[in-house]
C-alpha atoms as a PDB file:
ATOM      1  CA  MET A   1      13.671-158.166   6.722  1.00  0.00           C
ATOM      2  CA  PRO A   2      12.374-154.410   6.376  1.00  0.00           C
ATOM      3  CA  THR A   3      12.072-153.031   2.553  1.00  0.00           C
ATOM      4  CA  SER A   4      13.110-149.750   4.294  1.00  0.00           C
ATOM      5  CA  PHE A   5      15.091-148.448   6.985  1.00  0.00           C
ATOM      6  CA  SER A   6      15.017-145.126   9.354  1.00  0.00           C
ATOM      7  CA  GLN A   7      18.338-143.345   9.617  1.00  0.00           C
ATOM      8  CA  LYS A   8      18.783-144.804  13.006  1.00  0.00           C
ATOM      9  CA  GLU A   9      18.011-148.335  11.792  1.00  0.00           C
ATOM     10  CA  THR A  10      20.242-147.573   8.539  1.00  0.00           C
ATOM     11  CA  ALA A  11      23.419-146.552  10.739  1.00  0.00           C
ATOM     12  CA  VAL A  12      23.689-149.728  12.162  1.00  0.00           C
ATOM     13  CA  LEU A  13      23.720-151.820   8.960  1.00  0.00           C
ATOM     14  CA  THR A  14      26.960-153.938   8.039  1.00  0.00           C
ATOM     15  CA  SER A  15      28.247-153.399   4.525  1.00  0.00           C
ATOM     16  CA  ALA A  16      26.863-156.857   3.930  1.00  0.00           C
ATOM     17  CA  ASP A  17      23.500-155.851   4.701  1.00  0.00           C
ATOM     18  CA  ARG A  18      23.841-152.395   2.607  1.00  0.00           C
ATOM     19  CA  ARG A  19      24.394-154.513  -0.339  1.00  0.00           C
ATOM     20  CA  MET A  20      21.794-157.228   0.284  1.00  0.00           C
ATOM     21  CA  CYS A  21      19.307-153.899   0.760  1.00  0.00           C
ATOM     22  CA  SER A  22      20.515-152.046  -2.164  1.00  0.00           C
ATOM     23  CA  ALA A  23      18.216-151.865  -4.794  1.00  0.00           C
ATOM     24  CA  THR A  24      19.496-151.365  -8.172  1.00  0.00           C
ATOM     25  CA  THR A  25      18.435-150.012 -11.232  1.00  0.00           C
ATOM     26  CA  GLU A  26      19.325-149.485 -15.159  1.00  0.00           C
ATOM     27  CA  GLY A  27      21.890-146.763 -15.761  1.00  0.00           C
ATOM     28  CA  LEU A  28      23.493-147.321 -12.173  1.00  0.00           C
ATOM     29  CA  VAL A  29      26.872-148.666 -11.370  1.00  0.00           C
ATOM     30  CA  PRO A  30      26.337-152.432 -10.446  1.00  0.00           C
ATOM     31  CA  SER A  31      26.647-153.206  -7.075  1.00  0.00           C
ATOM     32  CA  GLU A  32      29.826-155.456  -5.706  1.00  0.00           C
ATOM     33  CA  ASP A  33      27.459-158.602  -5.590  1.00  0.00           C
ATOM     34  CA  GLU A  34      25.856-157.971  -9.332  1.00  0.00           C
ATOM     35  CA  ARG A  35      29.517-157.881 -10.358  1.00  0.00           C
ATOM     36  CA  LEU A  36      30.769-160.799  -8.443  1.00  0.00           C
ATOM     37  CA  ALA A  37      27.874-162.907  -9.894  1.00  0.00           C
ATOM     38  CA  THR A  38      28.887-161.753 -13.685  1.00  0.00           C
ATOM     39  CA  VAL A  39      32.181-163.014 -13.069  1.00  0.00           C
ATOM     40  CA  TYR A  40      31.123-166.191 -11.463  1.00  0.00           C
ATOM     41  CA  ARG A  41      28.657-166.573 -14.459  1.00  0.00           C
ATOM     42  CA  ALA A  42      31.649-166.155 -16.771  1.00  0.00           C
ATOM     43  CA  LEU A  43      33.845-168.773 -14.894  1.00  0.00           C
ATOM     44  CA  ALA A  44      30.997-171.313 -14.910  1.00  0.00           C
ATOM     45  CA  HIS A  45      31.720-172.971 -18.434  1.00  0.00           C
ATOM     46  CA  PRO A  46      35.012-175.074 -19.295  1.00  0.00           C
ATOM     47  CA  ALA A  47      35.818-173.636 -22.307  1.00  0.00           C
ATOM     48  CA  ARG A  48      36.068-170.106 -20.594  1.00  0.00           C
ATOM     49  CA  LEU A  49      38.124-171.537 -17.950  1.00  0.00           C
ATOM     50  CA  ALA A  50      40.372-172.997 -21.115  1.00  0.00           C
ATOM     51  CA  ILE A  51      40.346-169.731 -22.922  1.00  0.00           C
ATOM     52  CA  LEU A  52      41.504-167.736 -19.900  1.00  0.00           C
ATOM     53  CA  ARG A  53      44.575-170.513 -19.423  1.00  0.00           C
ATOM     54  CA  ARG A  54      45.402-170.341 -22.824  1.00  0.00           C
ATOM     55  CA  LEU A  55      45.463-166.338 -22.715  1.00  0.00           C
ATOM     56  CA  ARG A  56      47.608-166.560 -19.465  1.00  0.00           C
ATOM     57  CA  SER A  57      50.356-168.365 -21.413  1.00  0.00           C
ATOM     58  CA  GLU A  58      49.884-166.866 -24.942  1.00  0.00           C
ATOM     59  CA  PRO A  59      48.817-163.058 -23.889  1.00  0.00           C
ATOM     60  CA  GLY A  60      47.503-161.332 -27.197  1.00  0.00           C
ATOM     61  CA  ALA A  61      45.957-164.285 -28.930  1.00  0.00           C
ATOM     62  CA  CYS A  62      43.547-163.350 -31.570  1.00  0.00           C
ATOM     63  CA  CYS A  63      40.110-165.476 -31.703  1.00  0.00           C
ATOM     64  CA  GLY A  64      41.653-167.610 -34.430  1.00  0.00           C
ATOM     65  CA  ASP A  65      44.681-168.516 -32.393  1.00  0.00           C
ATOM     66  CA  ILE A  66      42.206-169.722 -29.744  1.00  0.00           C
ATOM     67  CA  VAL A  67      39.900-171.312 -31.939  1.00  0.00           C
ATOM     68  CA  LYS A  68      42.962-173.814 -33.056  1.00  0.00           C
ATOM     69  CA  CYS A  69      43.053-175.048 -29.544  1.00  0.00           C
ATOM     70  CA  LEU A  70      39.471-175.819 -28.720  1.00  0.00           C
ATOM     71  CA  PRO A  71      36.992-178.138 -30.174  1.00  0.00           C
ATOM     72  CA  LEU A  72      34.569-175.188 -30.862  1.00  0.00           C
ATOM     73  CA  ALA A  73      33.310-173.280 -33.898  1.00  0.00           C
ATOM     74  CA  GLN A  74      34.785-169.490 -34.264  1.00  0.00           C
ATOM     75  CA  SER A  75      31.464-168.180 -33.351  1.00  0.00           C
ATOM     76  CA  THR A  76      31.009-169.812 -30.118  1.00  0.00           C
ATOM     77  CA  VAL A  77      34.701-169.294 -29.155  1.00  0.00           C
ATOM     78  CA  SER A  78      33.740-165.630 -29.836  1.00  0.00           C
ATOM     79  CA  GLN A  79      30.425-165.556 -27.604  1.00  0.00           C
ATOM     80  CA  HIS A  80      32.818-167.160 -24.661  1.00  0.00           C
ATOM     81  CA  LEU A  81      35.308-164.339 -25.263  1.00  0.00           C
ATOM     82  CA  GLN A  82      32.437-161.479 -25.164  1.00  0.00           C
ATOM     83  CA  ALA A  83      31.154-163.196 -21.837  1.00  0.00           C
ATOM     84  CA  LEU A  84      34.637-163.003 -20.471  1.00  0.00           C
ATOM     85  CA  LYS A  85      35.353-159.616 -21.629  1.00  0.00           C
ATOM     86  CA  ASP A  86      31.706-158.535 -19.871  1.00  0.00           C
ATOM     87  CA  ALA A  87      32.538-159.765 -16.786  1.00  0.00           C
ATOM     88  CA  GLY A  88      36.033-157.730 -16.874  1.00  0.00           C
ATOM     89  CA  LEU A  89      38.388-160.704 -16.946  1.00  0.00           C
ATOM     90  CA  LEU A  90      39.447-159.812 -20.418  1.00  0.00           C
ATOM     91  CA  MET A  91      41.005-156.805 -22.385  1.00  0.00           C
ATOM     92  CA  CYS A  92      40.866-156.476 -25.984  1.00  0.00           C
ATOM     93  CA  GLN A  93      42.780-154.361 -28.449  1.00  0.00           C
ATOM     94  CA  VAL A  94      41.839-154.082 -31.831  1.00  0.00           C
ATOM     95  CA  LYS A  95      44.668-154.322 -34.164  1.00  0.00           C
ATOM     96  CA  GLY A  96      43.406-154.154 -38.092  1.00  0.00           C
ATOM     97  CA  ARG A  97      40.487-156.942 -38.531  1.00  0.00           C
ATOM     98  CA  CYS A  98      41.516-158.615 -35.616  1.00  0.00           C
ATOM     99  CA  CYS A  99      41.182-158.729 -31.860  1.00  0.00           C
ATOM    100  CA  HIS A 100      43.969-159.393 -29.729  1.00  0.00           C
ATOM    101  CA  TYR A 101      42.960-160.665 -26.174  1.00  0.00           C
ATOM    102  CA  ARG A 102      44.781-160.805 -23.026  1.00  0.00           C
ATOM    103  CA  VAL A 103      43.897-161.233 -19.266  1.00  0.00           C
ATOM    104  CA  ASN A 104      42.759-158.214 -17.715  1.00  0.00           C
ATOM    105  CA  GLU A 105      44.830-158.217 -14.212  1.00  0.00           C
ATOM    106  CA  ALA A 106      42.633-155.488 -12.588  1.00  0.00           C
ATOM    107  CA  GLY A 107      39.513-157.835 -13.405  1.00  0.00           C
ATOM    108  CA  LEU A 108      41.402-160.992 -11.757  1.00  0.00           C
ATOM    109  CA  GLN A 109      42.299-158.843  -8.712  1.00  0.00           C
ATOM    110  CA  PHE A 110      38.353-157.866  -8.174  1.00  0.00           C
ATOM    111  CA  ALA A 111      37.388-161.100  -8.652  1.00  0.00           C
ATOM    112  CA  ARG A 112      40.066-162.824  -6.226  1.00  0.00           C
ATOM    113  CA  ALA A 113      39.119-160.119  -3.567  1.00  0.00           C
ATOM    114  CA  ALA A 114      35.168-160.109  -3.854  1.00  0.00           C
ATOM    115  CA  SER A 115      35.448-163.934  -3.741  1.00  0.00           C
ATOM    116  CA  ALA A 116      37.636-163.941  -0.399  1.00  0.00           C
ATOM    117  CA  ASP A 117      35.163-161.358   1.208  1.00  0.00           C
ATOM    118  CA  PHE A 118      32.158-163.307   0.081  1.00  0.00           C
ATOM    119  CA  LEU A 119      33.399-166.277   1.340  1.00  0.00           C
ATOM    120  CA  ASP A 120      34.530-165.162   4.543  1.00  0.00           C
ATOM    121  CA  GLU A 121      31.050-163.390   5.087  1.00  0.00           C
ATOM    122  CA  ILE A 122      29.122-166.768   4.515  1.00  0.00           C
ATOM    123  CA  ARG A 123      31.982-168.820   6.305  1.00  0.00           C
ATOM    124  CA  ILE A 124      30.147-171.534   9.013  1.00  0.00           C
ATOM    125  CA  VAL A 125      31.201-170.858  12.636  1.00  0.00           C
ATOM    126  CA  ASP A 126      30.673-173.493  15.190  1.00  0.00           C
ATOM    127  CA  ALA A 127      29.705-172.819  18.557  1.00  0.00           C
ATOM    128  CA  THR A 128      33.355-171.889  19.714  1.00  0.00           C
ATOM    129  CA  GLY A 129      34.017-169.456  17.438  1.00  0.00           C
ATOM    130  CA  SER A 130      36.205-171.833  15.264  1.00  0.00           C
ATOM    131  CA  SER A 131      35.641-171.845  11.299  1.00  0.00           C
ATOM    132  CA  ASP A 132      38.152-174.265  10.586  1.00  0.00           C
ATOM    133  CA  LYS A 133      35.767-177.324  11.589  1.00  0.00           C
ATOM    134  CA  ALA A 134      34.352-179.394   8.693  1.00  0.00           C
ATOM    135  CA  ILE A 135      31.069-180.264   8.555  1.00  0.00           C
ATOM    136  CA  THR A 136      30.315-183.498   8.467  1.00  0.00           C
ATOM    137  CA  ALA A 137      26.920-185.657   7.538  1.00  0.00           C
ATOM    138  CA  VAL A 138      26.781-186.288  11.391  1.00  0.00           C
ATOM    139  CA  GLU A 139      26.387-182.671  12.043  1.00  0.00           C
ATOM    140  CA  GLN A 140      23.804-181.838   9.666  1.00  0.00           C
ATOM    141  CA  PRO A 141      20.000-181.588  11.055  1.00  0.00           C
ATOM    142  CA  PRO A 142      18.167-184.536  10.839  1.00  0.00           C
ATOM    143  CA  VAL A 143      15.667-185.430   7.724  1.00  0.00           C
ATOM    144  CA  CYS A 144      12.526-185.335   8.976  1.00  0.00           C
ATOM    145  CA  CYS A 145      10.548-188.413   7.855  1.00  0.00           C
ATOM    146  CA  PRO A 146       7.201-189.978   8.271  1.00  0.00           C
ATOM    147  CA  GLU A 147       7.165-192.726  11.220  1.00  0.00           C
ATOM    148  CA  GLY A 148       8.281-196.066   9.856  1.00  0.00           C
ATOM    149  CA  ALA A 149       9.648-194.530   6.355  1.00  0.00           C
ATOM    150  CA  ASP A 150      13.129-195.321   5.618  1.00  0.00           C
ATOM    151  CA  PRO A 151      15.314-191.578   5.245  1.00  0.00           C
END
């Protein structure tokens, strides 16, 4: 893929192509793909999923409340809360010396919509144009093995 495009070529790029080709630099707003990757990284730890579930059932809980429910140190829970907050999935309200956390609905809506868009973009479509067909092991390309070797 070329690294730069003429005006004519740029006009025919899809939004997905533009996202893939856009260079980001410090100080600029992160692209949707970068933001979605941050969300996925934040959701990639079971403790963070547990924290989100806890905050869904108990909005406004402080770090100490969450620590009581998890087998983790307070400092570890604080780091997980910060990762979720940085990903836009939590909001924090400071009251005195305590931060009260709640799920950020706008962040969840972004994660849901951006995930759906991404998964639709990369879905597998068979020769008939159907994307509902599951890929089975039989449909996978054959593995090349030296003659006489077991795959």
